[in-house]
Structures are given as C-alpha cells and as structure tokens.
C-alpha cells in the first residue's frame, strides 16, 4: 500500500506560492503543486481561471461563514471534496454556486 504514496513524484508535494487579488487585496497563497493542479481542473470545469475560482471560493466561504481561519487549508479540503465527488460520479461537480441562483 505504501508504494502508492512513497512513489509519488516529489514535484507533486513541492510547494509553490501564487499571488492574487481577493477583494482588492493582494495576497499570497502557498499550496503543494498537486493542489494547484486540482484547483486548475476545477476552474476549467467551471469555465474560470484558477484565480477566479479561488476568489469565488473566498467570497462564498466569507458570505457563508463570515470568516475563514486558514484559507489554504480550506482550499486543500475543497480539492479533496471535489475528488470525492468525482469518484462518486456525482453529476454536478461544480464546487461554486451558479450565477443563476
């Protein structure tokens, strides 16, 4: 079982920082490359850029919860939830609300 994990390409768990503007404030997020890849996949499925997706997720979690204590961890959990939905073959994979609602 461990071979599945220990044979992972080290580039996947290497961290990378990206700067983006959220609510008018430039911020830097540091995530492992694997999570950036998953966020890119989610964004593409939703017809957005990765930065647009991250901004939308931030706005939605702030609207819903009023705060987010660790946004990077929130994004990692969002990625794992997306993968769980995909694995379960849920018809709707979008992790953000549609603009119609």
Protein backbone atom coordinates (compact mmCIF):
# COMPACT_ATOMS: atom_id res chain seq x y z
CA UNK A 1 0.00 0.00 0.00
CA UNK A 2 2.73 2.48 0.88
CA UNK A 3 4.22 2.28 -2.62
CA UNK A 4 1.22 4.22 -3.90
CA UNK A 5 2.29 7.14 -1.70
CA UNK A 6 6.06 6.91 -1.46
CA UNK A 7 6.49 6.62 -5.23
CA UNK A 8 4.70 9.93 -5.82
CA UNK A 9 6.69 12.37 -7.91
CA UNK A 10 8.32 14.84 -5.47
CA UNK A 11 7.23 17.72 -7.69
CA UNK A 12 3.63 16.97 -6.64
CA UNK A 13 4.29 17.74 -2.99
CA UNK A 14 6.64 20.63 -3.62
CA UNK A 15 5.02 23.89 -2.52
CA UNK A 16 4.51 26.84 -4.81
CA UNK A 17 3.30 30.33 -3.95
CA UNK A 18 0.98 32.40 -6.10
CA UNK A 19 -0.10 35.99 -5.63
CA UNK A 20 -3.62 37.05 -6.43
CA UNK A 21 -6.04 39.84 -5.63
CA UNK A 22 -9.00 39.00 -3.40
CA UNK A 23 -11.45 41.76 -2.57
CA UNK A 24 -8.93 44.33 -3.69
CA UNK A 25 -6.10 43.00 -1.52
CA UNK A 26 -3.06 41.27 -2.98
CA UNK A 27 -2.43 38.05 -1.09
CA UNK A 28 -0.09 35.12 -1.50
CA UNK A 29 -1.20 31.51 -1.23
CA UNK A 30 1.22 28.64 -0.77
CA UNK A 31 0.00 25.18 -1.75
CA UNK A 32 1.54 21.97 -2.96
CA UNK A 33 1.66 21.58 -6.75
CA UNK A 34 -0.85 18.72 -6.63
CA UNK A 35 -3.45 21.07 -5.13
CA UNK A 36 -2.73 23.78 -7.71
CA UNK A 37 -3.33 21.15 -10.40
CA UNK A 38 -6.65 20.12 -8.87
CA UNK A 39 -7.77 23.73 -8.49
CA UNK A 40 -6.91 24.24 -12.15
CA UNK A 41 -9.04 21.23 -13.07
CA UNK A 42 -11.97 22.53 -11.03
CA UNK A 43 -11.63 26.01 -12.52
CA UNK A 44 -11.55 24.63 -16.05
CA UNK A 45 -14.67 22.53 -15.40
CA UNK A 46 -16.42 25.68 -14.17
CA UNK A 47 -15.20 27.82 -17.08
CA UNK A 48 -12.93 30.01 -14.95
CA UNK A 49 -9.30 30.72 -14.35
CA UNK A 50 -7.74 29.34 -11.19
CA UNK A 51 -7.55 32.84 -9.70
CA UNK A 52 -11.22 33.46 -10.47
CA UNK A 53 -12.14 30.17 -8.80
CA UNK A 54 -10.10 30.94 -5.70
CA UNK A 55 -11.62 34.41 -5.45
CA UNK A 56 -15.12 32.99 -5.84
CA UNK A 57 -14.47 30.34 -3.17
CA UNK A 58 -13.14 33.00 -0.80
CA UNK A 59 -16.18 35.21 -1.34
CA UNK A 60 -18.57 32.32 -0.86
CA UNK A 61 -16.97 30.99 2.32
CA UNK A 62 -16.89 34.54 3.74
CA UNK A 63 -20.57 35.04 2.85
CA UNK A 64 -21.48 31.68 4.39
CA UNK A 65 -19.22 31.63 7.47
CA UNK A 66 -18.19 35.25 7.94
CA UNK A 67 -14.56 34.25 8.35
CA UNK A 68 -12.02 31.71 7.22
CA UNK A 69 -9.21 31.00 9.65
CA UNK A 70 -6.94 29.07 7.29
CA UNK A 71 -7.82 29.66 3.66
CA UNK A 72 -5.03 27.44 2.31
CA UNK A 73 -6.38 24.52 4.34
CA UNK A 74 -9.90 25.35 3.16
CA UNK A 75 -8.66 25.09 -0.44
CA UNK A 76 -6.99 21.73 0.24
CA UNK A 77 -10.19 20.37 1.76
CA UNK A 78 -12.18 21.76 -1.19
CA UNK A 79 -9.86 19.82 -3.51
CA UNK A 80 -10.33 16.57 -1.61
CA UNK A 81 -14.10 17.08 -1.53
CA UNK A 82 -14.05 17.64 -5.29
CA UNK A 83 -12.10 14.41 -5.79
CA UNK A 84 -14.55 12.53 -3.55
CA UNK A 85 -17.49 13.86 -5.56
CA UNK A 86 -15.80 12.93 -8.81
CA UNK A 87 -15.03 9.45 -7.52
CA UNK A 88 -18.66 9.00 -6.51
CA UNK A 89 -19.63 10.17 -10.02
CA UNK A 90 -21.91 12.90 -8.76
CA UNK A 91 -23.44 14.53 -11.85
CA UNK A 92 -22.77 18.10 -10.66
CA UNK A 93 -19.04 18.59 -9.97
CA UNK A 94 -19.10 22.38 -9.64
CA UNK A 95 -17.84 23.49 -6.22
CA UNK A 96 -19.19 27.02 -6.62
CA UNK A 97 -22.76 28.28 -6.91
CA UNK A 98 -24.02 29.05 -10.34
CA UNK A 99 -24.75 32.68 -11.10
CA UNK A 100 -28.35 31.74 -11.79
CA UNK A 101 -29.10 31.10 -8.11
